[in-house]
Amino acid sequence: GEKIDEAQATGLTYVVGSKTLVEGLDD
């Protein structure tokens, strides 16, 4: 449950199926 500062983001634009961020996000 410890918050990871470098893994915080808001307002991202993401294309479903692009696989350009973290693994498992598309699913």
mmCIF file of all heavy atoms, coordinates in Angstrom:
data_MODEL
# 
_entry.id   MODEL 
# 
loop_
_atom_site.group_PDB 
_atom_site.id 
_atom_site.type_symbol 
_atom_site.label_atom_id 
_atom_site.label_alt_id 
_atom_site.label_comp_id 
_atom_site.label_asym_id 
_atom_site.label_entity_id 
_atom_site.label_seq_id 
_atom_site.pdbx_PDB_ins_code 
_atom_site.Cartn_x 
_atom_site.Cartn_y 
_atom_site.Cartn_z 
_atom_site.occupancy 
_atom_site.B_iso_or_equiv 
_atom_site.pdbx_formal_charge 
_atom_site.auth_seq_id 
_atom_site.auth_comp_id 
_atom_site.auth_asym_id 
_atom_site.auth_atom_id 
_atom_site.pdbx_PDB_model_num 
ATOM 1   N N   . GLY A 1 1  ? 0.777  -1.226 0.000   1.00 0.00 ? 1  GLY A N   1 
ATOM 2   C CA  . GLY A 1 1  ? 0.000  0.000  0.000   1.00 0.00 ? 1  GLY A CA  1 
ATOM 3   C C   . GLY A 1 1  ? 0.808  1.274  0.000   1.00 0.00 ? 1  GLY A C   1 
ATOM 4   O O   . GLY A 1 1  ? 0.244  2.375  0.053   1.00 0.00 ? 1  GLY A O   1 
ATOM 5   N N   . GLU A 1 2  ? 2.139  1.174  -0.084  1.00 0.00 ? 2  GLU A N   1 
ATOM 6   C CA  . GLU A 1 2  ? 2.980  2.375  -0.106  1.00 0.00 ? 2  GLU A CA  1 
ATOM 7   C C   . GLU A 1 2  ? 2.883  3.055  -1.465  1.00 0.00 ? 2  GLU A C   1 
ATOM 8   O O   . GLU A 1 2  ? 3.130  2.435  -2.502  1.00 0.00 ? 2  GLU A O   1 
ATOM 9   C CB  . GLU A 1 2  ? 4.434  2.005  0.184   1.00 0.00 ? 2  GLU A CB  1 
ATOM 10  C CG  . GLU A 1 2  ? 5.388  3.187  0.115   1.00 0.00 ? 2  GLU A CG  1 
ATOM 11  C CD  . GLU A 1 2  ? 6.849  2.759  0.180   1.00 0.00 ? 2  GLU A CD  1 
ATOM 12  O OE1 . GLU A 1 2  ? 7.112  1.552  0.401   1.00 0.00 ? 2  GLU A OE1 1 
ATOM 13  O OE2 . GLU A 1 2  ? 7.723  3.626  -0.023  1.00 0.00 ? 2  GLU A OE2 1 
ATOM 14  N N   . LYS A 1 3  ? 2.551  4.327  -1.473  1.00 0.00 ? 3  LYS A N   1 
ATOM 15  C CA  . LYS A 1 3  ? 2.402  5.078  -2.722  1.00 0.00 ? 3  LYS A CA  1 
ATOM 16  C C   . LYS A 1 3  ? 3.755  5.275  -3.389  1.00 0.00 ? 3  LYS A C   1 
ATOM 17  O O   . LYS A 1 3  ? 4.744  5.606  -2.734  1.00 0.00 ? 3  LYS A O   1 
ATOM 18  C CB  . LYS A 1 3  ? 1.752  6.434  -2.432  1.00 0.00 ? 3  LYS A CB  1 
ATOM 19  C CG  . LYS A 1 3  ? 1.427  7.261  -3.665  1.00 0.00 ? 3  LYS A CG  1 
ATOM 20  C CD  . LYS A 1 3  ? 0.739  8.554  -3.273  1.00 0.00 ? 3  LYS A CD  1 
ATOM 21  C CE  . LYS A 1 3  ? 0.424  9.409  -4.482  1.00 0.00 ? 3  LYS A CE  1 
ATOM 22  N NZ  . LYS A 1 3  ? -0.240 10.695 -4.095  1.00 0.00 ? 3  LYS A NZ  1 
ATOM 23  N N   . ILE A 1 4  ? 3.816  5.059  -4.703  1.00 0.00 ? 4  ILE A N   1 
ATOM 24  C CA  . ILE A 1 4  ? 5.053  5.216  -5.465  1.00 0.00 ? 4  ILE A CA  1 
ATOM 25  C C   . ILE A 1 4  ? 4.957  6.521  -6.245  1.00 0.00 ? 4  ILE A C   1 
ATOM 26  O O   . ILE A 1 4  ? 4.153  6.651  -7.178  1.00 0.00 ? 4  ILE A O   1 
ATOM 27  C CB  . ILE A 1 4  ? 5.271  4.033  -6.421  1.00 0.00 ? 4  ILE A CB  1 
ATOM 28  C CG1 . ILE A 1 4  ? 5.307  2.723  -5.638  1.00 0.00 ? 4  ILE A CG1 1 
ATOM 29  C CG2 . ILE A 1 4  ? 6.556  4.213  -7.221  1.00 0.00 ? 4  ILE A CG2 1 
ATOM 30  C CD1 . ILE A 1 4  ? 5.359  1.491  -6.517  1.00 0.00 ? 4  ILE A CD1 1 
ATOM 31  N N   . ASP A 1 5  ? 5.801  7.497  -5.863  1.00 0.00 ? 5  ASP A N   1 
ATOM 32  C CA  . ASP A 1 5  ? 5.697  8.835  -6.448  1.00 0.00 ? 5  ASP A CA  1 
ATOM 33  C C   . ASP A 1 5  ? 5.893  8.830  -7.963  1.00 0.00 ? 5  ASP A C   1 
ATOM 34  O O   . ASP A 1 5  ? 5.200  9.539  -8.696  1.00 0.00 ? 5  ASP A O   1 
ATOM 35  C CB  . ASP A 1 5  ? 6.723  9.770  -5.798  1.00 0.00 ? 5  ASP A CB  1 
ATOM 36  C CG  . ASP A 1 5  ? 6.400  10.056 -4.334  1.00 0.00 ? 5  ASP A CG  1 
ATOM 37  O OD1 . ASP A 1 5  ? 5.217  9.899  -3.966  1.00 0.00 ? 5  ASP A OD1 1 
ATOM 38  O OD2 . ASP A 1 5  ? 7.326  10.415 -3.589  1.00 0.00 ? 5  ASP A OD2 1 
ATOM 39  N N   . GLU A 1 6  ? 6.884  8.051  -8.442  1.00 0.00 ? 6  GLU A N   1 
ATOM 40  C CA  . GLU A 1 6  ? 7.160  8.065  -9.877  1.00 0.00 ? 6  GLU A CA  1 
ATOM 41  C C   . GLU A 1 6  ? 6.121  7.308  -10.694 1.00 0.00 ? 6  GLU A C   1 
ATOM 42  O O   . GLU A 1 6  ? 6.194  7.269  -11.922 1.00 0.00 ? 6  GLU A O   1 
ATOM 43  C CB  . GLU A 1 6  ? 8.561  7.496  -10.153 1.00 0.00 ? 6  GLU A CB  1 
ATOM 44  C CG  . GLU A 1 6  ? 8.759  6.062  -9.710  1.00 0.00 ? 6  GLU A CG  1 
ATOM 45  C CD  . GLU A 1 6  ? 9.382  5.965  -8.326  1.00 0.00 ? 6  GLU A CD  1 
ATOM 46  O OE1 . GLU A 1 6  ? 9.085  6.833  -7.479  1.00 0.00 ? 6  GLU A OE1 1 
ATOM 47  O OE2 . GLU A 1 6  ? 10.153 5.024  -8.093  1.00 0.00 ? 6  GLU A OE2 1 
ATOM 48  N N   . ALA A 1 7  ? 5.137  6.709  -10.031 1.00 0.00 ? 7  ALA A N   1 
ATOM 49  C CA  . ALA A 1 7  ? 4.095  5.961  -10.750 1.00 0.00 ? 7  ALA A CA  1 
ATOM 50  C C   . ALA A 1 7  ? 2.748  6.659  -10.630 1.00 0.00 ? 7  ALA A C   1 
ATOM 51  O O   . ALA A 1 7  ? 1.698  6.013  -10.583 1.00 0.00 ? 7  ALA A O   1 
ATOM 52  C CB  . ALA A 1 7  ? 4.010  4.526  -10.224 1.00 0.00 ? 7  ALA A CB  1 
ATOM 53  N N   . GLN A 1 8  ? 2.766  8.001  -10.559 1.00 0.00 ? 8  GLN A N   1 
ATOM 54  C CA  . GLN A 1 8  ? 1.542  8.794  -10.481 1.00 0.00 ? 8  GLN A CA  1 
ATOM 55  C C   . GLN A 1 8  ? 1.420  9.645  -11.742 1.00 0.00 ? 8  GLN A C   1 
ATOM 56  O O   . GLN A 1 8  ? 2.400  10.253 -12.180 1.00 0.00 ? 8  GLN A O   1 
ATOM 57  C CB  . GLN A 1 8  ? 1.553  9.705  -9.250  1.00 0.00 ? 8  GLN A CB  1 
ATOM 58  C CG  . GLN A 1 8  ? 1.959  9.030  -7.955  1.00 0.00 ? 8  GLN A CG  1 
ATOM 59  C CD  . GLN A 1 8  ? 0.981  7.951  -7.526  1.00 0.00 ? 8  GLN A CD  1 
ATOM 60  O OE1 . GLN A 1 8  ? -0.236 8.154  -7.599  1.00 0.00 ? 8  GLN A OE1 1 
ATOM 61  N NE2 . GLN A 1 8  ? 1.506  6.816  -7.096  1.00 0.00 ? 8  GLN A NE2 1 
ATOM 62  N N   . ALA A 1 9  ? 0.264  9.695  -12.363 1.00 0.00 ? 9  ALA A N   1 
ATOM 63  C CA  . ALA A 1 9  ? 0.045  10.524 -13.552 1.00 0.00 ? 9  ALA A CA  1 
ATOM 64  C C   . ALA A 1 9  ? -1.434 10.852 -13.665 1.00 0.00 ? 9  ALA A C   1 
ATOM 65  O O   . ALA A 1 9  ? -2.296 10.017 -13.329 1.00 0.00 ? 9  ALA A O   1 
ATOM 66  C CB  . ALA A 1 9  ? 0.530  9.810  -14.805 1.00 0.00 ? 9  ALA A CB  1 
ATOM 67  N N   . THR A 1 10 ? -1.719 12.069 -14.127 1.00 0.00 ? 10 THR A N   1 
ATOM 68  C CA  . THR A 1 10 ? -3.112 12.479 -14.329 1.00 0.00 ? 10 THR A CA  1 
ATOM 69  C C   . THR A 1 10 ? -3.269 13.065 -15.717 1.00 0.00 ? 10 THR A C   1 
ATOM 70  O O   . THR A 1 10 ? -2.335 13.647 -16.281 1.00 0.00 ? 10 THR A O   1 
ATOM 71  C CB  . THR A 1 10 ? -3.541 13.534 -13.281 1.00 0.00 ? 10 THR A CB  1 
ATOM 72  O OG1 . THR A 1 10 ? -2.673 14.677 -13.373 1.00 0.00 ? 10 THR A OG1 1 
ATOM 73  C CG2 . THR A 1 10 ? -3.463 12.964 -11.872 1.00 0.00 ? 10 THR A CG2 1 
ATOM 74  N N   . GLY A 1 11 ? -4.471 12.928 -16.271 1.00 0.00 ? 11 GLY A N   1 
ATOM 75  C CA  . GLY A 1 11 ? -4.796 13.525 -17.563 1.00 0.00 ? 11 GLY A CA  1 
ATOM 76  C C   . GLY A 1 11 ? -4.065 12.917 -18.737 1.00 0.00 ? 11 GLY A C   1 
ATOM 77  O O   . GLY A 1 11 ? -3.891 13.585 -19.767 1.00 0.00 ? 11 GLY A O   1 
ATOM 78  N N   . LEU A 1 12 ? -3.635 11.655 -18.625 1.00 0.00 ? 12 LEU A N   1 
ATOM 79  C CA  . LEU A 1 12 ? -2.935 11.007 -19.732 1.00 0.00 ? 12 LEU A CA  1 
ATOM 80  C C   . LEU A 1 12 ? -3.901 10.700 -20.871 1.00 0.00 ? 12 LEU A C   1 
ATOM 81  O O   . LEU A 1 12 ? -5.055 10.345 -20.650 1.00 0.00 ? 12 LEU A O   1 
ATOM 82  C CB  . LEU A 1 12 ? -2.283 9.700  -19.273 1.00 0.00 ? 12 LEU A CB  1 
ATOM 83  C CG  . LEU A 1 12 ? -1.049 9.788  -18.368 1.00 0.00 ? 12 LEU A CG  1 
ATOM 84  C CD1 . LEU A 1 12 ? -0.631 8.386  -17.951 1.00 0.00 ? 12 LEU A CD1 1 
ATOM 85  C CD2 . LEU A 1 12 ? 0.086  10.482 -19.102 1.00 0.00 ? 12 LEU A CD2 1 
ATOM 86  N N   . THR A 1 13 ? -3.405 10.837 -22.114 1.00 0.00 ? 13 THR A N   1 
ATOM 87  C CA  . THR A 1 13 ? -4.160 10.378 -23.279 1.00 0.00 ? 13 THR A CA  1 
ATOM 88  C C   . THR A 1 13 ? -3.571 9.042  -23.713 1.00 0.00 ? 13 THR A C   1 
ATOM 89  O O   . THR A 1 13 ? -2.357 8.934  -23.920 1.00 0.00 ? 13 THR A O   1 
ATOM 90  C CB  . THR A 1 13 ? -4.076 11.382 -24.437 1.00 0.00 ? 13 THR A CB  1 
ATOM 91  O OG1 . THR A 1 13 ? -4.668 12.623 -24.027 1.00 0.00 ? 13 THR A OG1 1 
ATOM 92  C CG2 . THR A 1 13 ? -4.806 10.858 -25.670 1.00 0.00 ? 13 THR A CG2 1 
ATOM 93  N N   . TYR A 1 14 ? -4.436 8.041  -23.844 1.00 0.00 ? 14 TYR A N   1 
ATOM 94  C CA  . TYR A 1 14 ? -3.949 6.698  -24.152 1.00 0.00 ? 14 TYR A CA  1 
ATOM 95  C C   . TYR A 1 14 ? -4.858 6.057  -25.199 1.00 0.00 ? 14 TYR A C   1 
ATOM 96  O O   . TYR A 1 14 ? -6.089 6.141  -25.119 1.00 0.00 ? 14 TYR A O   1 
ATOM 97  C CB  . TYR A 1 14 ? -3.922 5.832  -22.887 1.00 0.00 ? 14 TYR A CB  1 
ATOM 98  C CG  . TYR A 1 14 ? -3.362 4.455  -23.119 1.00 0.00 ? 14 TYR A CG  1 
ATOM 99  C CD1 . TYR A 1 14 ? -2.002 4.263  -23.343 1.00 0.00 ? 14 TYR A CD1 1 
ATOM 100 C CD2 . TYR A 1 14 ? -4.202 3.344  -23.153 1.00 0.00 ? 14 TYR A CD2 1 
ATOM 101 C CE1 . TYR A 1 14 ? -1.476 2.999  -23.568 1.00 0.00 ? 14 TYR A CE1 1 
ATOM 102 C CE2 . TYR A 1 14 ? -3.689 2.076  -23.380 1.00 0.00 ? 14 TYR A CE2 1 
ATOM 103 C CZ  . TYR A 1 14 ? -2.324 1.905  -23.588 1.00 0.00 ? 14 TYR A CZ  1 
ATOM 104 O OH  . TYR A 1 14 ? -1.818 0.661  -23.830 1.00 0.00 ? 14 TYR A OH  1 
ATOM 105 N N   . VAL A 1 15 ? -4.204 5.408  -26.194 1.00 0.00 ? 15 VAL A N   1 
ATOM 106 C CA  . VAL A 1 15 ? -4.952 4.695  -27.234 1.00 0.00 ? 15 VAL A CA  1 
ATOM 107 C C   . VAL A 1 15 ? -5.053 3.232  -26.830 1.00 0.00 ? 15 VAL A C   1 
ATOM 108 O O   . VAL A 1 15 ? -4.032 2.555  -26.631 1.00 0.00 ? 15 VAL A O   1 
ATOM 109 C CB  . VAL A 1 15 ? -4.265 4.812  -28.603 1.00 0.00 ? 15 VAL A CB  1 
ATOM 110 C CG1 . VAL A 1 15 ? -5.086 4.091  -29.676 1.00 0.00 ? 15 VAL A CG1 1 
ATOM 111 C CG2 . VAL A 1 15 ? -4.062 6.267  -28.978 1.00 0.00 ? 15 VAL A CG2 1 
ATOM 112 N N   . VAL A 1 16 ? -6.264 2.738  -26.696 1.00 0.00 ? 16 VAL A N   1 
ATOM 113 C CA  . VAL A 1 16 ? -6.468 1.349  -26.288 1.00 0.00 ? 16 VAL A CA  1 
ATOM 114 C C   . VAL A 1 16 ? -5.851 0.408  -27.319 1.00 0.00 ? 16 VAL A C   1 
ATOM 115 O O   . VAL A 1 16 ? -6.119 0.520  -28.518 1.00 0.00 ? 16 VAL A O   1 
ATOM 116 C CB  . VAL A 1 16 ? -7.968 1.041  -26.114 1.00 0.00 ? 16 VAL A CB  1 
ATOM 117 C CG1 . VAL A 1 16 ? -8.162 -0.412 -25.664 1.00 0.00 ? 16 VAL A CG1 1 
ATOM 118 C CG2 . VAL A 1 16 ? -8.605 1.999  -25.123 1.00 0.00 ? 16 VAL A CG2 1 
ATOM 119 N N   . GLY A 1 17 ? -5.006 -0.498 -26.842 1.00 0.00 ? 17 GLY A N   1 
ATOM 120 C CA  . GLY A 1 17 ? -4.355 -1.452 -27.729 1.00 0.00 ? 17 GLY A CA  1 
ATOM 121 C C   . GLY A 1 17 ? -2.971 -1.037 -28.180 1.00 0.00 ? 17 GLY A C   1 
ATOM 122 O O   . GLY A 1 17 ? -2.285 -1.800 -28.870 1.00 0.00 ? 17 GLY A O   1 
ATOM 123 N N   . SER A 1 18 ? -2.514 0.155  -27.784 1.00 0.00 ? 18 SER A N   1 
ATOM 124 C CA  . SER A 1 18 ? -1.210 0.632  -28.246 1.00 0.00 ? 18 SER A CA  1 
ATOM 125 C C   . SER A 1 18 ? -0.043 0.019  -27.479 1.00 0.00 ? 18 SER A C   1 
ATOM 126 O O   . SER A 1 18 ? 1.096  0.032  -27.959 1.00 0.00 ? 18 SER A O   1 
ATOM 127 C CB  . SER A 1 18 ? -1.140 2.157  -28.139 1.00 0.00 ? 18 SER A CB  1 
ATOM 128 O OG  . SER A 1 18 ? -1.256 2.571  -26.782 1.00 0.00 ? 18 SER A OG  1 
ATOM 129 N N   . LYS A 1 19 ? -0.317 -0.492 -26.276 1.00 0.00 ? 19 LYS A N   1 
ATOM 130 C CA  . LYS A 1 19 ? 0.734  -1.146 -25.454 1.00 0.00 ? 19 LYS A CA  1 
ATOM 131 C C   . LYS A 1 19 ? 1.938  -0.238 -25.225 1.00 0.00 ? 19 LYS A C   1 
ATOM 132 O O   . LYS A 1 19 ? 3.086  -0.694 -25.241 1.00 0.00 ? 19 LYS A O   1 
ATOM 133 C CB  . LYS A 1 19 ? 1.193  -2.458 -26.100 1.00 0.00 ? 19 LYS A CB  1 
ATOM 134 C CG  . LYS A 1 19 ? 0.079  -3.468 -26.318 1.00 0.00 ? 19 LYS A CG  1 
ATOM 135 C CD  . LYS A 1 19 ? 0.611  -4.775 -26.877 1.00 0.00 ? 19 LYS A CD  1 
ATOM 136 C CE  . LYS A 1 19 ? -0.500 -5.747 -27.218 1.00 0.00 ? 19 LYS A CE  1 
ATOM 137 N NZ  . LYS A 1 19 ? -1.319 -6.102 -26.047 1.00 0.00 ? 19 LYS A NZ  1 
ATOM 138 N N   . THR A 1 20 ? 1.703  1.062  -25.006 1.00 0.00 ? 20 THR A N   1 
ATOM 139 C CA  . THR A 1 20 ? 2.817  2.010  -24.857 1.00 0.00 ? 20 THR A CA  1 
ATOM 140 C C   . THR A 1 20 ? 3.084  2.405  -23.412 1.00 0.00 ? 20 THR A C   1 
ATOM 141 O O   . THR A 1 20 ? 4.059  3.105  -23.152 1.00 0.00 ? 20 THR A O   1 
ATOM 142 C CB  . THR A 1 20 ? 2.538  3.290  -25.662 1.00 0.00 ? 20 THR A CB  1 
ATOM 143 O OG1 . THR A 1 20 ? 1.262  3.830  -25.262 1.00 0.00 ? 20 THR A OG1 1 
ATOM 144 C CG2 . THR A 1 20 ? 2.523  3.004  -27.149 1.00 0.00 ? 20 THR A CG2 1 
ATOM 145 N N   . LEU A 1 21 ? 2.249  1.965  -22.465 1.00 0.00 ? 21 LEU A N   1 
ATOM 146 C CA  . LEU A 1 21 ? 2.504  2.281  -21.059 1.00 0.00 ? 21 LEU A CA  1 
ATOM 147 C C   . LEU A 1 21 ? 2.846  0.994  -20.300 1.00 0.00 ? 21 LEU A C   1 
ATOM 148 O O   . LEU A 1 21 ? 3.736  0.275  -20.720 1.00 0.00 ? 21 LEU A O   1 
ATOM 149 C CB  . LEU A 1 21 ? 1.293  3.006  -20.456 1.00 0.00 ? 21 LEU A CB  1 
ATOM 150 C CG  . LEU A 1 21 ? 1.092  4.452  -20.946 1.00 0.00 ? 21 LEU A CG  1 
ATOM 151 C CD1 . LEU A 1 21 ? -0.164 5.054  -20.357 1.00 0.00 ? 21 LEU A CD1 1 
ATOM 152 C CD2 . LEU A 1 21 ? 2.300  5.321  -20.590 1.00 0.00 ? 21 LEU A CD2 1 
ATOM 153 N N   . VAL A 1 22 ? 2.176  0.722  -19.219 1.00 0.00 ? 22 VAL A N   1 
ATOM 154 C CA  . VAL A 1 22 ? 2.532  -0.435 -18.401 1.00 0.00 ? 22 VAL A CA  1 
ATOM 155 C C   . VAL A 1 22 ? 1.820  -1.699 -18.892 1.00 0.00 ? 22 VAL A C   1 
ATOM 156 O O   . VAL A 1 22 ? 0.734  -1.644 -19.483 1.00 0.00 ? 22 VAL A O   1 
ATOM 157 C CB  . VAL A 1 22 ? 2.173  -0.188 -16.915 1.00 0.00 ? 22 VAL A CB  1 
ATOM 158 C CG1 . VAL A 1 22 ? 3.029  0.917  -16.356 1.00 0.00 ? 22 VAL A CG1 1 
ATOM 159 C CG2 . VAL A 1 22 ? 0.692  0.129  -16.768 1.00 0.00 ? 22 VAL A CG2 1 
ATOM 160 N N   . GLU A 1 23 ? 2.437  -2.828 -18.634 1.00 0.00 ? 23 GLU A N   1 
ATOM 161 C CA  . GLU A 1 23 ? 1.863  -4.115 -19.032 1.00 0.00 ? 23 GLU A CA  1 
ATOM 162 C C   . GLU A 1 23 ? 0.556  -4.358 -18.280 1.00 0.00 ? 23 GLU A C   1 
ATOM 163 O O   . GLU A 1 23 ? 0.445  -4.112 -17.082 1.00 0.00 ? 23 GLU A O   1 
ATOM 164 C CB  . GLU A 1 23 ? 2.865  -5.228 -18.716 1.00 0.00 ? 23 GLU A CB  1 
ATOM 165 C CG  . GLU A 1 23 ? 2.408  -6.600 -19.159 1.00 0.00 ? 23 GLU A CG  1 
ATOM 166 C CD  . GLU A 1 23 ? 3.442  -7.671 -18.855 1.00 0.00 ? 23 GLU A CD  1 
ATOM 167 O OE1 . GLU A 1 23 ? 4.565  -7.314 -18.431 1.00 0.00 ? 23 GLU A OE1 1 
ATOM 168 O OE2 . GLU A 1 23 ? 3.125  -8.862 -19.024 1.00 0.00 ? 23 GLU A OE2 1 
ATOM 169 N N   . GLY A 1 24 ? -0.444 -4.806 -19.024 1.00 0.00 ? 24 GLY A N   1 
ATOM 170 C CA  . GLY A 1 24 ? -1.731 -5.112 -18.421 1.00 0.00 ? 24 GLY A CA  1 
ATOM 171 C C   . GLY A 1 24 ? -2.737 -3.984 -18.500 1.00 0.00 ? 24 GLY A C   1 
ATOM 172 O O   . GLY A 1 24 ? -3.927 -4.188 -18.190 1.00 0.00 ? 24 GLY A O   1 
ATOM 173 N N   . LEU A 1 25 ? -2.290 -2.787 -18.924 1.00 0.00 ? 25 LEU A N   1 
ATOM 174 C CA  . LEU A 1 25 ? -3.204 -1.647 -18.965 1.00 0.00 ? 25 LEU A CA  1 
ATOM 175 C C   . LEU A 1 25 ? -4.297 -1.846 -20.009 1.00 0.00 ? 25 LEU A C   1 
ATOM 176 O O   . LEU A 1 25 ? -5.465 -1.512 -19.761 1.00 0.00 ? 25 LEU A O   1 
ATOM 177 C CB  . LEU A 1 25 ? -2.425 -0.364 -19.245 1.00 0.00 ? 25 LEU A CB  1 
ATOM 178 C CG  . LEU A 1 25 ? -3.246 0.927  -19.353 1.00 0.00 ? 25 LEU A CG  1 
ATOM 179 C CD1 . LEU A 1 25 ? -4.003 1.191  -18.055 1.00 0.00 ? 25 LEU A CD1 1 
ATOM 180 C CD2 . LEU A 1 25 ? -2.358 2.126  -19.694 1.00 0.00 ? 25 LEU A CD2 1 
ATOM 181 N N   . ASP A 1 26 ? -3.932 -2.389 -21.181 1.00 0.00 ? 26 ASP A N   1 
ATOM 182 C CA  . ASP A 1 26 ? -4.941 -2.574 -22.234 1.00 0.00 ? 26 ASP A CA  1 
ATOM 183 C C   . ASP A 1 26 ? -6.061 -3.494 -21.784 1.00 0.00 ? 26 ASP A C   1 
ATOM 184 O O   . ASP A 1 26 ? -7.248 -3.219 -22.014 1.00 0.00 ? 26 ASP A O   1 
ATOM 185 C CB  . ASP A 1 26 ? -4.273 -3.112 -23.500 1.00 0.00 ? 26 ASP A CB  1 
ATOM 186 C CG  . ASP A 1 26 ? -3.431 -2.064 -24.199 1.00 0.00 ? 26 ASP A CG  1 
ATOM 187 O OD1 . ASP A 1 26 ? -3.979 -1.019 -24.574 1.00 0.00 ? 26 ASP A OD1 1 
ATOM 188 O OD2 . ASP A 1 26 ? -2.218 -2.273 -24.358 1.00 0.00 ? 26 ASP A OD2 1 
ATOM 189 N N   . ASP A 1 27 ? -5.688 -4.595 -21.140 1.00 0.00 ? 27 ASP A N   1 
ATOM 190 C CA  . ASP A 1 27 ? -6.723 -5.527 -20.651 1.00 0.00 ? 27 ASP A CA  1 
ATOM 191 C C   . ASP A 1 27 ? -7.592 -4.864 -19.594 1.00 0.00 ? 27 ASP A C   1 
ATOM 192 O O   . ASP A 1 27 ? -8.816 -5.101 -19.536 1.00 0.00 ? 27 ASP A O   1 
ATOM 193 C CB  . ASP A 1 27 ? -6.059 -6.778 -20.064 1.00 0.00 ? 27 ASP A CB  1 
ATOM 194 C CG  . ASP A 1 27 ? -5.390 -7.631 -21.126 1.00 0.00 ? 27 ASP A CG  1 
ATOM 195 O OD1 . ASP A 1 27 ? -5.786 -7.521 -22.308 1.00 0.00 ? 27 ASP A OD1 1 
ATOM 196 O OD2 . ASP A 1 27 ? -4.453 -8.384 -20.790 1.00 0.00 ? 27 ASP A OD2 1 
# 
